[in-house]
Amino acid sequence: MGLKRTDEFRQDAVRIALTSGLTRKQVADDLGVGMSTLNKWITAHPLPGSACLHA
């Protein structure tokens, strides 16, 4: 089983993915998580006031 990430880590990952200008692949690789995991977090925890676009 994979490493359990904190809610704060997940929220930071979502913020980075949606605001950094990096691709989701780059963000996932940099943070050591899978693309599907990052995409699930983005769907579950969108930034307040932002539209959740699926890439």
C-alpha atoms as a PDB file:
ATOM      1  CA  MET A   1       0.000   0.000   0.000  1.00  0.00           C
ATOM      2  CA  GLY A   2       1.196   3.527  -0.800  1.00  0.00           C
ATOM      3  CA  LEU A   3       2.144   6.304   1.557  1.00  0.00           C
ATOM      4  CA  LYS A   4      -0.785   8.086   3.237  1.00  0.00           C
ATOM      5  CA  ARG A   5      -0.647  11.803   2.417  1.00  0.00           C
ATOM      6  CA  THR A   6      -2.002  14.486   4.741  1.00  0.00           C
ATOM      7  CA  ASP A   7      -4.903  16.728   3.747  1.00  0.00           C
ATOM      8  CA  GLU A   8      -2.485  19.660   3.776  1.00  0.00           C
ATOM      9  CA  PHE A   9      -0.183  17.876   1.315  1.00  0.00           C
ATOM     10  CA  ARG A  10      -3.149  17.108  -0.952  1.00  0.00           C
ATOM     11  CA  GLN A  11      -4.388  20.701  -0.846  1.00  0.00           C
ATOM     12  CA  ASP A  12      -0.901  22.015  -1.630  1.00  0.00           C
ATOM     13  CA  ALA A  13      -0.607  19.562  -4.514  1.00  0.00           C
ATOM     14  CA  VAL A  14      -3.934  20.753  -5.940  1.00  0.00           C
ATOM     15  CA  ARG A  15      -2.905  24.405  -5.574  1.00  0.00           C
ATOM     16  CA  ILE A  16       0.413  23.755  -7.318  1.00  0.00           C
ATOM     17  CA  ALA A  17      -1.231  21.758 -10.102  1.00  0.00           C
ATOM     18  CA  LEU A  18      -3.829  24.448 -10.811  1.00  0.00           C
ATOM     19  CA  THR A  19      -1.728  27.594 -10.405  1.00  0.00           C
ATOM     20  CA  SER A  20       1.919  26.821 -11.201  1.00  0.00           C
ATOM     21  CA  GLY A  21       1.714  26.635 -14.981  1.00  0.00           C
ATOM     22  CA  LEU A  22       3.353  23.200 -14.860  1.00  0.00           C
ATOM     23  CA  THR A  23       1.692  20.197 -16.427  1.00  0.00           C
ATOM     24  CA  ARG A  24      -0.095  17.814 -14.104  1.00  0.00           C
ATOM     25  CA  LYS A  25       2.453  15.174 -15.122  1.00  0.00           C
ATOM     26  CA  GLN A  26       5.301  17.427 -13.979  1.00  0.00           C
ATOM     27  CA  VAL A  27       3.583  18.209 -10.689  1.00  0.00           C
ATOM     28  CA  ALA A  28       2.797  14.547 -10.026  1.00  0.00           C
ATOM     29  CA  ASP A  29       6.385  13.522 -10.791  1.00  0.00           C
ATOM     30  CA  ASP A  30       7.842  16.324  -8.647  1.00  0.00           C
ATOM     31  CA  LEU A  31       5.646  15.357  -5.697  1.00  0.00           C
ATOM     32  CA  GLY A  32       6.157  11.621  -6.099  1.00  0.00           C
ATOM     33  CA  VAL A  33       2.518  10.761  -6.714  1.00  0.00           C
ATOM     34  CA  GLY A  34       0.770   9.165  -9.652  1.00  0.00           C
ATOM     35  CA  MET A  35      -1.145  11.142 -12.258  1.00  0.00           C
ATOM     36  CA  SER A  36      -4.404   9.374 -11.405  1.00  0.00           C
ATOM     37  CA  THR A  37      -3.894  10.185  -7.721  1.00  0.00           C
ATOM     38  CA  LEU A  38      -3.280  13.863  -8.439  1.00  0.00           C
ATOM     39  CA  ASN A  39      -6.316  14.004 -10.723  1.00  0.00           C
ATOM     40  CA  LYS A  40      -8.494  12.425  -8.011  1.00  0.00           C
ATOM     41  CA  TRP A  41      -7.295  15.021  -5.505  1.00  0.00           C
ATOM     42  CA  ILE A  42      -8.046  17.852  -7.948  1.00  0.00           C
ATOM     43  CA  THR A  43     -11.559  16.508  -8.501  1.00  0.00           C
ATOM     44  CA  ALA A  44     -12.162  16.036  -4.770  1.00  0.00           C
ATOM     45  CA  HIS A  45     -10.536  19.283  -3.579  1.00  0.00           C
ATOM     46  CA  PRO A  46     -10.810  22.037  -6.203  1.00  0.00           C
ATOM     47  CA  LEU A  47      -9.501  25.452  -5.226  1.00  0.00           C
ATOM     48  CA  PRO A  48     -12.218  27.794  -3.958  1.00  0.00           C
ATOM     49  CA  GLY A  49     -13.504  29.972  -6.774  1.00  0.00           C
ATOM     50  CA  SER A  50     -11.820  27.969  -9.515  1.00  0.00           C
ATOM     51  CA  ALA A  51     -13.358  25.895 -12.251  1.00  0.00           C
ATOM     52  CA  CYS A  52     -12.130  22.329 -12.206  1.00  0.00           C
ATOM     53  CA  LEU A  53     -10.937  21.495 -15.698  1.00  0.00           C
ATOM     54  CA  HIS A  54     -10.064  17.913 -16.473  1.00  0.00           C
ATOM     55  CA  ALA A  55      -6.893  17.443 -18.505  1.00  0.00           C
END
